Amino acid sequence: MYPKIDIKISNHNIEYIDALNFMEKKVDKILSNKENEMLWFLNHDHIYTCGSSANKNEILFQTNTPILQTNRGGKTTYHGPGQRVVYFMINLNKRKKDIRKFVNIIENSVISLLKEFDIEAITFPERVGIWVIKSQGYKLSKEKKIGAIGLRIKKWITYHGLSFNIDPDLKFYANINACGLNNYSSTSLKDLRINLTNKEFDKMFKKNFNNEISQM
């Protein structure tokens, strides 16, 4: 019998620090077996966050957009309206204690979702995240990032998670070396001429994730 995963959906922008506080409390409740695991679908207002391995040189231009040091893994990334965020508060004590496998589950959930729109995406061992290489039969001249992943683990409970570009303003990525990478650009479903609502994304991703996590 697999543990029950609760679903939390927020349809208004959530302040990043409020989300972090919620996740930290939730992890403690999961650890003490007081509450179920959770997937949380939400959006943030414009913010740049710097993970535990971020370098200050990843901020290329100072703007009015807030910059926040956070405790997730990874480097610098952007969050904002039009980008769907999925936070995973999952207890790996009750599954396989394999972080790489869990990251693969997130990646594969996104890749399967994109395939339904005839978008081909892949992953790279040295670059965490989801990269589009082909859309509706058209091969991109260079892969573009559509989803970023950054996790933190506390006693084998995961938190933080995935940011996926549905329809954000991609100009915000010009101010940073996203995920510490230069000479790479980001894309979105809108950029690839696909219209999808948050509600539709949530439903599709949840289905794919449930299929993937059942194998762990």
N, C-alpha and C. Protein backbone atom coordinates (compact mmCIF):
# COMPACT_ATOMS: atom_id res chain seq x y z
N MET A 1 0.85 -1.20 0.00
CA MET A 1 0.00 0.00 0.00
C MET A 1 0.88 1.25 0.00
N TYR A 2 0.72 2.09 -1.02
CA TYR A 2 1.54 3.29 -1.10
C TYR A 2 1.00 4.38 -0.16
N PRO A 3 1.89 5.21 0.39
CA PRO A 3 1.42 6.31 1.24
C PRO A 3 0.52 7.26 0.46
N LYS A 4 -0.43 7.87 1.15
CA LYS A 4 -1.33 8.83 0.50
C LYS A 4 -0.61 10.16 0.30
N ILE A 5 -0.71 10.68 -0.92
CA ILE A 5 -0.12 11.98 -1.24
C ILE A 5 -1.25 13.00 -1.38
N ASP A 6 -1.30 13.97 -0.47
CA ASP A 6 -2.30 15.03 -0.56
C ASP A 6 -1.91 16.02 -1.66
N ILE A 7 -2.92 16.67 -2.23
CA ILE A 7 -2.70 17.67 -3.27
C ILE A 7 -3.14 19.03 -2.75
N LYS A 8 -2.24 19.99 -2.82
CA LYS A 8 -2.56 21.38 -2.45
C LYS A 8 -2.41 22.23 -3.70
N ILE A 9 -3.43 23.01 -4.04
CA ILE A 9 -3.39 23.86 -5.23
C ILE A 9 -3.64 25.30 -4.83
N SER A 10 -2.72 26.19 -5.18
CA SER A 10 -2.86 27.62 -4.90
C SER A 10 -3.00 28.36 -6.22
N ASN A 11 -4.06 29.12 -6.34
CA ASN A 11 -4.34 29.83 -7.60
C ASN A 11 -3.97 31.30 -7.56
N HIS A 12 -3.37 31.74 -6.46
CA HIS A 12 -2.84 33.11 -6.41
C HIS A 12 -1.35 33.02 -6.06
N ASN A 13 -0.62 34.08 -6.35
CA ASN A 13 0.82 34.07 -6.10
C ASN A 13 1.12 33.91 -4.61
N ILE A 14 2.04 33.00 -4.30
CA ILE A 14 2.46 32.75 -2.92
C ILE A 14 3.84 33.36 -2.71
N GLU A 15 3.99 34.14 -1.64
CA GLU A 15 5.31 34.69 -1.32
C GLU A 15 6.29 33.55 -1.07
N TYR A 16 7.49 33.68 -1.62
CA TYR A 16 8.46 32.60 -1.55
C TYR A 16 8.76 32.20 -0.10
N ILE A 17 8.96 33.20 0.74
CA ILE A 17 9.33 32.90 2.13
C ILE A 17 8.19 32.22 2.87
N ASP A 18 6.94 32.57 2.50
CA ASP A 18 5.78 31.90 3.11
C ASP A 18 5.72 30.44 2.69
N ALA A 19 6.04 30.19 1.42
CA ALA A 19 6.06 28.81 0.93
C ALA A 19 7.14 28.00 1.64
N LEU A 20 8.29 28.60 1.83
CA LEU A 20 9.39 27.92 2.51
C LEU A 20 9.00 27.56 3.96
N ASN A 21 8.39 28.52 4.64
CA ASN A 21 7.96 28.27 6.02
C ASN A 21 6.94 27.14 6.08
N PHE A 22 6.01 27.14 5.12
CA PHE A 22 5.00 26.09 5.08
C PHE A 22 5.64 24.72 4.88
N MET A 23 6.58 24.65 3.92
CA MET A 23 7.22 23.37 3.62
C MET A 23 8.01 22.84 4.80
N GLU A 24 8.73 23.71 5.48
CA GLU A 24 9.54 23.26 6.61
C GLU A 24 8.66 22.69 7.73
N LYS A 25 7.53 23.32 7.97
CA LYS A 25 6.60 22.81 9.00
C LYS A 25 5.98 21.49 8.53
N LYS A 26 5.65 21.43 7.24
CA LYS A 26 5.04 20.22 6.69
C LYS A 26 5.99 19.03 6.79
N VAL A 27 7.25 19.26 6.48
CA VAL A 27 8.26 18.19 6.56
C VAL A 27 8.33 17.63 7.98
N ASP A 28 8.32 18.51 8.96
CA ASP A 28 8.37 18.05 10.36
C ASP A 28 7.14 17.21 10.72
N LYS A 29 5.97 17.61 10.18
CA LYS A 29 4.75 16.85 10.46
C LYS A 29 4.77 15.49 9.77
N ILE A 30 5.35 15.44 8.58
CA ILE A 30 5.48 14.16 7.88
C ILE A 30 6.45 13.25 8.64
N LEU A 31 7.55 13.85 9.12
CA LEU A 31 8.54 13.09 9.87
C LEU A 31 7.95 12.45 11.13
N SER A 32 7.05 13.17 11.76
CA SER A 32 6.45 12.67 13.01
C SER A 32 5.17 11.88 12.74
N ASN A 33 4.92 11.59 11.44
CA ASN A 33 3.75 10.79 11.03
C ASN A 33 2.42 11.44 11.42
N LYS A 34 2.41 12.77 11.50
CA LYS A 34 1.18 13.49 11.83
C LYS A 34 0.36 13.84 10.59
N GLU A 35 1.04 13.94 9.44
CA GLU A 35 0.35 14.32 8.21
C GLU A 35 0.87 13.51 7.03
N ASN A 36 0.05 13.49 5.95
CA ASN A 36 0.42 12.80 4.72
C ASN A 36 1.47 13.57 3.93
N GLU A 37 2.06 12.90 2.97
CA GLU A 37 2.92 13.57 1.99
C GLU A 37 2.08 14.55 1.17
N MET A 38 2.76 15.40 0.41
CA MET A 38 2.01 16.43 -0.33
C MET A 38 2.72 16.83 -1.62
N LEU A 39 1.90 17.07 -2.66
CA LEU A 39 2.32 17.83 -3.84
C LEU A 39 1.63 19.17 -3.76
N TRP A 40 2.38 20.26 -3.95
CA TRP A 40 1.81 21.60 -3.88
C TRP A 40 2.06 22.31 -5.21
N PHE A 41 0.98 22.69 -5.89
CA PHE A 41 1.05 23.43 -7.15
C PHE A 41 0.78 24.90 -6.85
N LEU A 42 1.68 25.77 -7.30
CA LEU A 42 1.55 27.19 -6.97
C LEU A 42 2.33 28.07 -7.95
N ASN A 43 2.21 29.37 -7.76
CA ASN A 43 2.99 30.36 -8.49
C ASN A 43 3.62 31.33 -7.50
N HIS A 44 4.78 31.85 -7.86
CA HIS A 44 5.41 32.92 -7.08
C HIS A 44 5.36 34.22 -7.87
N ASP A 45 5.49 35.35 -7.15
CA ASP A 45 5.71 36.63 -7.82
C ASP A 45 7.17 36.66 -8.28
N HIS A 46 7.55 37.70 -9.04
CA HIS A 46 8.90 37.78 -9.59
C HIS A 46 9.96 37.73 -8.49
N ILE A 47 10.87 36.75 -8.59
CA ILE A 47 11.96 36.63 -7.62
C ILE A 47 13.07 35.78 -8.22
N TYR A 48 14.31 36.12 -7.86
CA TYR A 48 15.45 35.25 -8.17
C TYR A 48 15.86 34.56 -6.87
N THR A 49 16.03 33.24 -6.95
CA THR A 49 16.47 32.52 -5.76
C THR A 49 17.81 31.84 -6.03
N CYS A 50 18.65 31.85 -5.01
CA CYS A 50 20.00 31.29 -5.12
C CYS A 50 20.09 30.07 -4.20
N GLY A 51 20.35 28.91 -4.80
CA GLY A 51 20.44 27.67 -4.04
C GLY A 51 21.76 27.53 -3.32
N SER A 52 21.96 26.38 -2.68
CA SER A 52 23.12 26.17 -1.82
C SER A 52 24.45 26.16 -2.57
N SER A 53 24.43 25.90 -3.87
CA SER A 53 25.68 25.91 -4.64
C SER A 53 25.76 27.09 -5.61
N ALA A 54 24.93 28.12 -5.37
CA ALA A 54 24.92 29.29 -6.25
C ALA A 54 26.17 30.13 -6.07
N ASN A 55 26.53 30.85 -7.13
CA ASN A 55 27.66 31.77 -7.13
C ASN A 55 27.13 33.17 -7.43
N LYS A 56 27.66 34.18 -6.75
CA LYS A 56 27.15 35.54 -6.95
C LYS A 56 27.32 36.01 -8.39
N ASN A 57 28.27 35.41 -9.12
CA ASN A 57 28.48 35.79 -10.52
C ASN A 57 27.33 35.36 -11.42
N GLU A 58 26.43 34.51 -10.91
CA GLU A 58 25.29 34.09 -11.71
C GLU A 58 24.25 35.20 -11.86
N ILE A 59 24.33 36.22 -11.01
CA ILE A 59 23.48 37.41 -11.16
C ILE A 59 24.21 38.36 -12.10
N LEU A 60 23.73 38.49 -13.32
CA LEU A 60 24.42 39.30 -14.32
C LEU A 60 24.09 40.77 -14.21
N PHE A 61 22.82 41.08 -13.92
CA PHE A 61 22.37 42.47 -13.84
C PHE A 61 21.48 42.64 -12.60
N GLN A 62 21.75 43.67 -11.82
CA GLN A 62 20.91 43.99 -10.67
C GLN A 62 19.66 44.72 -11.15
N THR A 63 18.51 44.25 -10.71
CA THR A 63 17.24 44.87 -11.10
C THR A 63 16.41 45.11 -9.84
N ASN A 64 15.17 45.52 -10.02
CA ASN A 64 14.27 45.70 -8.87
C ASN A 64 13.70 44.37 -8.38
N THR A 65 13.95 43.30 -9.11
CA THR A 65 13.43 42.00 -8.71
C THR A 65 14.20 41.49 -7.50
N PRO A 66 13.50 41.07 -6.44
CA PRO A 66 14.19 40.58 -5.23
C PRO A 66 15.09 39.38 -5.52
N ILE A 67 16.19 39.30 -4.77
CA ILE A 67 17.11 38.16 -4.84
C ILE A 67 17.16 37.55 -3.44
N LEU A 68 16.92 36.24 -3.36
CA LEU A 68 16.84 35.59 -2.05
C LEU A 68 17.73 34.35 -2.02
N GLN A 69 18.56 34.27 -0.99
CA GLN A 69 19.32 33.04 -0.73
C GLN A 69 18.38 32.02 -0.10
N THR A 70 18.37 30.80 -0.65
CA THR A 70 17.47 29.78 -0.13
C THR A 70 18.23 28.50 0.18
N ASN A 71 17.56 27.56 0.83
CA ASN A 71 18.25 26.36 1.29
C ASN A 71 18.07 25.16 0.37
N ARG A 72 17.44 25.35 -0.78
CA ARG A 72 17.34 24.23 -1.72
C ARG A 72 18.69 23.96 -2.36
N GLY A 73 18.82 22.80 -2.98
CA GLY A 73 20.01 22.52 -3.75
C GLY A 73 19.98 23.29 -5.07
N GLY A 74 21.13 23.35 -5.73
CA GLY A 74 21.17 24.00 -7.04
C GLY A 74 21.70 25.41 -6.98
N LYS A 75 21.57 26.07 -8.11
CA LYS A 75 22.15 27.39 -8.28
C LYS A 75 21.07 28.47 -8.37
N THR A 76 21.27 29.48 -9.21
CA THR A 76 20.35 30.61 -9.28
C THR A 76 19.25 30.34 -10.31
N THR A 77 18.03 30.67 -9.96
CA THR A 77 16.93 30.53 -10.91
C THR A 77 15.94 31.66 -10.73
N TYR A 78 14.99 31.70 -11.64
CA TYR A 78 13.94 32.74 -11.63
C TYR A 78 12.59 32.08 -11.38
N HIS A 79 11.76 32.76 -10.58
CA HIS A 79 10.35 32.38 -10.45
C HIS A 79 9.51 33.61 -10.75
N GLY A 80 8.33 33.38 -11.32
CA GLY A 80 7.44 34.50 -11.58
C GLY A 80 6.12 34.05 -12.17
N PRO A 81 5.21 34.99 -12.35
CA PRO A 81 3.90 34.68 -12.94
C PRO A 81 4.05 33.98 -14.29
N GLY A 82 3.19 33.00 -14.53
CA GLY A 82 3.27 32.24 -15.78
C GLY A 82 4.14 31.00 -15.66
N GLN A 83 4.84 30.89 -14.53
CA GLN A 83 5.66 29.70 -14.29
C GLN A 83 4.98 28.89 -13.19
N ARG A 84 4.70 27.62 -13.50
CA ARG A 84 4.06 26.77 -12.49
C ARG A 84 5.13 26.08 -11.66
N VAL A 85 4.95 26.16 -10.36
CA VAL A 85 5.89 25.56 -9.42
C VAL A 85 5.21 24.36 -8.77
N VAL A 86 5.95 23.26 -8.65
CA VAL A 86 5.45 22.08 -7.95
C VAL A 86 6.44 21.75 -6.83
N TYR A 87 5.96 21.77 -5.60
CA TYR A 87 6.79 21.40 -4.47
C TYR A 87 6.42 20.00 -4.00
N PHE A 88 7.45 19.21 -3.73
CA PHE A 88 7.29 17.79 -3.40
C PHE A 88 7.70 17.55 -1.95
N MET A 89 6.74 17.29 -1.09
CA MET A 89 7.03 16.91 0.28
C MET A 89 6.76 15.41 0.39
N ILE A 90 7.78 14.63 0.03
CA ILE A 90 7.65 13.19 -0.16
C ILE A 90 8.60 12.46 0.79
N ASN A 91 8.12 11.41 1.42
CA ASN A 91 8.89 10.66 2.40
C ASN A 91 9.60 9.48 1.74
N LEU A 92 10.88 9.65 1.48
CA LEU A 92 11.66 8.58 0.84
C LEU A 92 12.01 7.46 1.82
N ASN A 93 11.76 7.67 3.11
CA ASN A 93 11.92 6.57 4.06
C ASN A 93 10.95 5.43 3.74
N LYS A 94 9.83 5.79 3.11
CA LYS A 94 8.81 4.80 2.80
C LYS A 94 8.93 4.31 1.35
N ARG A 95 9.98 4.76 0.69
CA ARG A 95 10.23 4.34 -0.69
C ARG A 95 11.70 3.96 -0.78
N LYS A 96 12.33 4.24 -1.93
CA LYS A 96 13.78 4.01 -2.03
C LYS A 96 14.50 5.29 -1.63
N LYS A 97 15.54 5.14 -0.82
CA LYS A 97 16.33 6.30 -0.42
C LYS A 97 17.33 6.62 -1.52
N ASP A 98 16.81 7.13 -2.61
CA ASP A 98 17.60 7.36 -3.82
C ASP A 98 17.21 8.71 -4.42
N ILE A 99 18.03 9.73 -4.12
CA ILE A 99 17.71 11.09 -4.57
C ILE A 99 17.75 11.19 -6.10
N ARG A 100 18.73 10.56 -6.72
CA ARG A 100 18.85 10.62 -8.18
C ARG A 100 17.61 10.01 -8.84
N LYS A 101 17.14 8.90 -8.27
CA LYS A 101 15.93 8.26 -8.79
C LYS A 101 14.74 9.18 -8.67
N PHE A 102 14.64 9.89 -7.53
CA PHE A 102 13.51 10.80 -7.34
C PHE A 102 13.56 11.95 -8.33
N VAL A 103 14.74 12.49 -8.56
CA VAL A 103 14.89 13.55 -9.57
C VAL A 103 14.48 13.03 -10.94
N ASN A 104 14.87 11.80 -11.27
CA ASN A 104 14.48 11.20 -12.55
C ASN A 104 12.96 11.09 -12.67
N ILE A 105 12.31 10.78 -11.57
CA ILE A 105 10.84 10.68 -11.57
C ILE A 105 10.22 12.03 -11.95
N ILE A 106 10.74 13.11 -11.38
CA ILE A 106 10.24 14.45 -11.71
C ILE A 106 10.50 14.76 -13.18
N GLU A 107 11.74 14.50 -13.63
CA GLU A 107 12.10 14.76 -15.02
C GLU A 107 11.21 13.97 -15.98
N ASN A 108 11.04 12.68 -15.70
CA ASN A 108 10.24 11.84 -16.59
C ASN A 108 8.78 12.24 -16.62
N SER A 109 8.28 12.76 -15.49
CA SER A 109 6.89 13.23 -15.44
C SER A 109 6.69 14.41 -16.39
N VAL A 110 7.68 15.30 -16.45
CA VAL A 110 7.60 16.45 -17.35
C VAL A 110 7.79 16.01 -18.81
N ILE A 111 8.75 15.15 -19.05
CA ILE A 111 9.02 14.68 -20.42
C ILE A 111 7.78 14.01 -21.01
N SER A 112 7.08 13.20 -20.20
CA SER A 112 5.86 12.54 -20.66
C SER A 112 4.76 13.55 -20.96
N LEU A 113 4.66 14.57 -20.12
CA LEU A 113 3.67 15.62 -20.34
C LEU A 113 3.93 16.34 -21.66
N LEU A 114 5.18 16.70 -21.90
CA LEU A 114 5.53 17.41 -23.13
C LEU A 114 5.28 16.56 -24.37
N LYS A 115 5.50 15.26 -24.24
CA LYS A 115 5.32 14.37 -25.38
C LYS A 115 3.88 14.42 -25.89
N GLU A 116 2.92 14.69 -24.99
CA GLU A 116 1.51 14.76 -25.39
C GLU A 116 1.24 15.96 -26.30
N PHE A 117 2.18 16.91 -26.35
CA PHE A 117 2.06 18.06 -27.24
C PHE A 117 3.05 17.97 -28.41
N ASP A 118 3.57 16.78 -28.64
CA ASP A 118 4.56 16.55 -29.70
C ASP A 118 5.81 17.40 -29.48
N ILE A 119 6.18 17.54 -28.21
CA ILE A 119 7.42 18.23 -27.84
C ILE A 119 8.37 17.19 -27.28
N GLU A 120 9.57 17.14 -27.86
CA GLU A 120 10.57 16.17 -27.40
C GLU A 120 11.56 16.86 -26.47
N ALA A 121 11.70 16.30 -25.27
CA ALA A 121 12.63 16.87 -24.28
C ALA A 121 13.50 15.77 -23.72
N ILE A 122 14.68 16.16 -23.28
CA ILE A 122 15.64 15.20 -22.73
C ILE A 122 16.28 15.79 -21.48
N THR A 123 17.09 14.96 -20.82
CA THR A 123 17.87 15.42 -19.68
C THR A 123 19.34 15.15 -19.94
N PHE A 124 20.19 15.82 -19.18
CA PHE A 124 21.63 15.64 -19.28
C PHE A 124 22.17 15.31 -17.89
N PRO A 125 23.06 14.32 -17.78
CA PRO A 125 23.58 13.93 -16.47
C PRO A 125 24.24 15.09 -15.72
N GLU A 126 24.90 15.98 -16.47
CA GLU A 126 25.64 17.06 -15.82
C GLU A 126 24.81 18.34 -15.67
N ARG A 127 23.57 18.32 -16.16
CA ARG A 127 22.71 19.51 -16.10
C ARG A 127 21.32 19.09 -15.63
N VAL A 128 21.01 19.26 -14.37
CA VAL A 128 19.68 18.90 -13.87
C VAL A 128 18.64 19.80 -14.51
N GLY A 129 17.55 19.20 -14.92
CA GLY A 129 16.48 19.98 -15.54
C GLY A 129 15.97 19.30 -16.79
N ILE A 130 15.02 19.94 -17.44
CA ILE A 130 14.37 19.38 -18.62
C ILE A 130 14.61 20.31 -19.80
N TRP A 131 15.12 19.73 -20.88
CA TRP A 131 15.57 20.50 -22.04
C TRP A 131 14.80 20.08 -23.30
N VAL A 132 14.22 21.06 -23.98
CA VAL A 132 13.49 20.80 -25.23
C VAL A 132 14.47 20.77 -26.39
N ILE A 133 14.35 19.72 -27.22
CA ILE A 133 15.21 19.63 -28.41
C ILE A 133 14.41 19.65 -29.70
N LYS A 134 13.09 19.36 -29.63
CA LYS A 134 12.27 19.32 -30.84
C LYS A 134 10.83 19.65 -30.47
N SER A 135 10.15 20.40 -31.33
CA SER A 135 8.75 20.75 -31.09
C SER A 135 7.95 20.65 -32.38
N GLN A 136 6.89 19.85 -32.34
CA GLN A 136 6.04 19.62 -33.51
C GLN A 136 6.86 19.28 -34.76
N GLY A 137 7.86 18.44 -34.58
CA GLY A 137 8.68 17.99 -35.70
C GLY A 137 9.82 18.93 -36.07
N TYR A 138 9.85 20.10 -35.45
CA TYR A 138 10.91 21.09 -35.75
C TYR A 138 12.04 20.95 -34.74
N LYS A 139 13.23 20.69 -35.19
CA LYS A 139 14.38 20.53 -34.30
C LYS A 139 14.98 21.89 -33.97
N LEU A 140 15.11 22.17 -32.69
CA LEU A 140 15.72 23.44 -32.27
C LEU A 140 17.20 23.42 -32.61
N SER A 141 17.74 24.59 -32.95
CA SER A 141 19.17 24.66 -33.28
C SER A 141 20.03 24.37 -32.06
N LYS A 142 19.49 24.64 -30.87
CA LYS A 142 20.18 24.33 -29.62
C LYS A 142 19.12 24.09 -28.55
N GLU A 143 19.35 23.13 -27.69
CA GLU A 143 18.35 22.80 -26.67
C GLU A 143 18.05 24.01 -25.79
N LYS A 144 16.79 24.09 -25.33
CA LYS A 144 16.36 25.17 -24.45
C LYS A 144 15.69 24.59 -23.21
N LYS A 145 15.92 25.24 -22.08
CA LYS A 145 15.42 24.72 -20.81
C LYS A 145 13.98 25.15 -20.56
N ILE A 146 13.13 24.19 -20.21
CA ILE A 146 11.73 24.51 -19.93
C ILE A 146 11.36 24.22 -18.47
N GLY A 147 12.19 23.42 -17.79
CA GLY A 147 11.91 23.09 -16.39
C GLY A 147 13.18 22.98 -15.58
N ALA A 148 13.17 23.55 -14.37
CA ALA A 148 14.32 23.49 -13.47
C ALA A 148 13.93 22.73 -12.20
N ILE A 149 14.90 22.04 -11.62
CA ILE A 149 14.65 21.24 -10.42
C ILE A 149 15.68 21.59 -9.35
N GLY A 150 15.19 21.83 -8.15
CA GLY A 150 16.07 22.05 -7.00
C GLY A 150 15.41 21.49 -5.76
N LEU A 151 16.06 20.57 -5.09
CA LEU A 151 15.48 19.91 -3.93
C LEU A 151 16.32 20.11 -2.68
N ARG A 152 15.68 19.94 -1.55
CA ARG A 152 16.39 19.80 -0.29
C ARG A 152 15.82 18.56 0.40
N ILE A 153 16.67 17.87 1.15
CA ILE A 153 16.25 16.65 1.83
C ILE A 153 16.51 16.80 3.32
N LYS A 154 15.52 16.49 4.13
CA LYS A 154 15.68 16.47 5.58
C LYS A 154 15.27 15.10 6.10
N LYS A 155 16.22 14.33 6.57
CA LYS A 155 15.96 12.98 7.07
C LYS A 155 15.13 12.17 6.09
N TRP A 156 15.50 12.30 4.82
CA TRP A 156 14.88 11.58 3.71
C TRP A 156 13.47 12.03 3.37
N ILE A 157 13.10 13.23 3.84
CA ILE A 157 11.87 13.87 3.36
C ILE A 157 12.28 14.96 2.39
N THR A 158 11.70 14.95 1.17
CA THR A 158 12.05 15.96 0.17
C THR A 158 11.20 17.22 0.36
N TYR A 159 11.77 18.36 -0.03
CA TYR A 159 10.95 19.55 -0.24
C TYR A 159 11.63 20.44 -1.27
N HIS A 160 10.99 21.57 -1.59
CA HIS A 160 11.27 22.34 -2.81
C HIS A 160 10.88 21.48 -4.01
N GLY A 161 11.40 21.77 -5.22
CA GLY A 161 10.96 20.94 -6.34
C GLY A 161 11.19 21.48 -7.73
N LEU A 162 10.10 21.60 -8.48
CA LEU A 162 10.13 21.87 -9.93
C LEU A 162 9.55 23.24 -10.25
N SER A 163 10.21 23.95 -11.17
CA SER A 163 9.57 25.12 -11.78
C SER A 163 9.47 24.86 -13.27
N PHE A 164 8.27 25.06 -13.82
CA PHE A 164 7.99 24.72 -15.22
C PHE A 164 7.41 25.94 -15.93
N ASN A 165 7.97 26.27 -17.07
CA ASN A 165 7.58 27.48 -17.79
C ASN A 165 6.37 27.24 -18.70
N ILE A 166 5.21 27.69 -18.23
CA ILE A 166 4.02 27.65 -19.07
C ILE A 166 3.97 28.93 -19.92
N ASP A 167 3.96 30.07 -19.26
CA ASP A 167 3.84 31.34 -19.97
C ASP A 167 4.47 32.49 -19.18
N PRO A 168 5.73 32.35 -18.72
CA PRO A 168 6.37 33.46 -18.01
C PRO A 168 6.96 34.47 -19.00
N ASP A 169 7.35 35.62 -18.49
CA ASP A 169 8.10 36.60 -19.29
C ASP A 169 9.55 36.13 -19.32
N LEU A 170 9.98 35.59 -20.45
CA LEU A 170 11.31 34.99 -20.54
C LEU A 170 12.43 36.02 -20.46
N LYS A 171 12.10 37.30 -20.57
CA LYS A 171 13.14 38.34 -20.48
C LYS A 171 13.82 38.34 -19.12
N PHE A 172 13.12 37.86 -18.09
CA PHE A 172 13.71 37.84 -16.75
C PHE A 172 14.93 36.92 -16.68
N TYR A 173 14.99 35.94 -17.56
CA TYR A 173 16.15 35.03 -17.56
C TYR A 173 17.41 35.70 -18.08
N ALA A 174 17.26 36.83 -18.77
CA ALA A 174 18.43 37.52 -19.33
C ALA A 174 19.31 38.13 -18.24
N ASN A 175 18.77 38.27 -17.02
CA ASN A 175 19.52 38.91 -15.94
C ASN A 175 20.37 37.94 -15.13
N ILE A 176 20.27 36.64 -15.44
CA ILE A 176 21.00 35.63 -14.67
C ILE A 176 21.60 34.57 -15.60
N ASN A 177 22.59 33.86 -15.08
CA ASN A 177 22.99 32.59 -15.68
C ASN A 177 22.16 31.53 -14.98
N ALA A 178 21.01 31.23 -15.57
CA ALA A 178 20.07 30.32 -14.91
C ALA A 178 20.72 28.97 -14.64
N CYS A 179 20.58 28.51 -13.40
CA CYS A 179 21.17 27.23 -12.96
C CYS A 179 22.68 27.20 -13.16
N GLY A 180 23.30 28.39 -13.17
CA GLY A 180 24.75 28.47 -13.29
C GLY A 180 25.28 28.26 -14.68
N LEU A 181 24.39 28.21 -15.67
CA LEU A 181 24.80 27.93 -17.04
C LEU A 181 24.76 29.19 -17.88
N ASN A 182 25.84 29.44 -18.64
CA ASN A 182 25.77 30.53 -19.59
C ASN A 182 25.68 29.95 -21.01
N ASN A 183 25.31 30.79 -21.93
CA ASN A 183 25.16 30.39 -23.34
C ASN A 183 24.03 29.40 -23.57
N TYR A 184 23.09 29.33 -22.63
CA TYR A 184 21.87 28.54 -22.82
C TYR A 184 20.68 29.43 -22.57
N SER A 185 19.59 29.18 -23.27
CA SER A 185 18.39 30.00 -23.08
C SER A 185 17.22 29.14 -22.61
N SER A 186 16.19 29.82 -22.14
CA SER A 186 15.00 29.14 -21.64
C SER A 186 13.86 29.28 -22.63
N THR A 187 12.93 28.37 -22.54
CA THR A 187 11.74 28.42 -23.37
C THR A 187 10.52 28.18 -22.50
N SER A 188 9.35 28.19 -23.10
CA SER A 188 8.09 27.97 -22.39
C SER A 188 7.11 27.32 -23.35
N LEU A 189 6.00 26.83 -22.80
CA LEU A 189 4.98 26.27 -23.69
C LEU A 189 4.47 27.34 -24.65
N LYS A 190 4.26 28.56 -24.15
CA LYS A 190 3.78 29.63 -25.04
C LYS A 190 4.79 29.91 -26.15
N ASP A 191 6.07 29.92 -25.78
CA ASP A 191 7.15 30.13 -26.75
C ASP A 191 7.11 29.05 -27.83
N LEU A 192 6.65 27.86 -27.45
CA LEU A 192 6.53 26.73 -28.39
C LEU A 192 5.13 26.63 -28.99
N ARG A 193 4.34 27.70 -28.80
CA ARG A 193 3.00 27.84 -29.39
C ARG A 193 2.01 26.81 -28.86
N ILE A 194 2.13 26.54 -27.57
CA ILE A 194 1.19 25.65 -26.89
C ILE A 194 0.49 26.45 -25.79
N ASN A 195 -0.83 26.41 -25.79
CA ASN A 195 -1.60 27.07 -24.73
C ASN A 195 -2.06 26.04 -23.72
N LEU A 196 -1.75 26.28 -22.46
CA LEU A 196 -2.13 25.35 -21.40
C LEU A 196 -2.42 26.16 -20.14
N THR A 197 -3.51 25.84 -19.47
CA THR A 197 -3.83 26.52 -18.22
C THR A 197 -3.11 25.84 -17.06
N ASN A 198 -3.01 26.54 -15.95
CA ASN A 198 -2.43 25.93 -14.74
C ASN A 198 -3.21 24.68 -14.35
N LYS A 199 -4.54 24.77 -14.43
CA LYS A 199 -5.38 23.64 -14.04
C LYS A 199 -5.10 22.42 -14.91
N GLU A 200 -4.95 22.63 -16.21
CA GLU A 200 -4.64 21.53 -17.12
C GLU A 200 -3.26 20.95 -16.83
N PHE A 201 -2.29 21.84 -16.59
CA PHE A 201 -0.94 21.37 -16.26
C PHE A 201 -0.96 20.52 -15.00
N ASP A 202 -1.63 21.03 -13.95
CA ASP A 202 -1.67 20.33 -12.67
C ASP A 202 -2.22 18.91 -12.85
N LYS A 203 -3.30 18.80 -13.59
CA LYS A 203 -3.94 17.50 -13.79
C LYS A 203 -3.03 16.54 -14.54
N MET A 204 -2.39 17.03 -15.60
CA MET A 204 -1.51 16.18 -16.41
C MET A 204 -0.28 15.77 -15.62
N PHE A 205 0.32 16.73 -14.93
CA PHE A 205 1.54 16.41 -14.18
C PHE A 205 1.25 15.42 -13.05
N LYS A 206 0.15 15.65 -12.35
CA LYS A 206 -0.20 14.76 -11.23
C LYS A 206 -0.36 13.32 -11.72
N LYS A 207 -1.03 13.14 -12.86
CA LYS A 207 -1.21 11.80 -13.42
C LYS A 207 0.14 11.16 -13.74
N ASN A 208 1.02 11.90 -14.40
CA ASN A 208 2.33 11.35 -14.76
C ASN A 208 3.18 11.05 -13.53
N PHE A 209 3.15 11.96 -12.56
CA PHE A 209 3.94 11.77 -11.35
C PHE A 209 3.47 10.55 -10.57
N ASN A 210 2.16 10.37 -10.46
CA ASN A 210 1.63 9.21 -9.75
C ASN A 210 2.07 7.91 -10.42
N ASN A 211 2.10 7.91 -11.75
CA ASN A 211 2.57 6.73 -12.48
C ASN A 211 4.04 6.44 -12.18
N GLU A 212 4.83 7.50 -12.14
CA GLU A 212 6.28 7.34 -11.94
C GLU A 212 6.62 6.96 -10.50
N ILE A 213 5.99 7.64 -9.52
CA ILE A 213 6.35 7.43 -8.12
C ILE A 213 5.89 6.04 -7.65
N SER A 214 4.92 5.46 -8.33
CA SER A 214 4.45 4.13 -7.94
C SER A 214 5.52 3.06 -8.16
N GLN A 215 6.54 3.41 -8.96
CA GLN A 215 7.61 2.46 -9.24
C GLN A 215 8.79 2.60 -8.27
N MET A 216 8.66 3.52 -7.32
CA MET A 216 9.78 3.79 -6.41
C MET A 216 9.55 3.13 -5.05
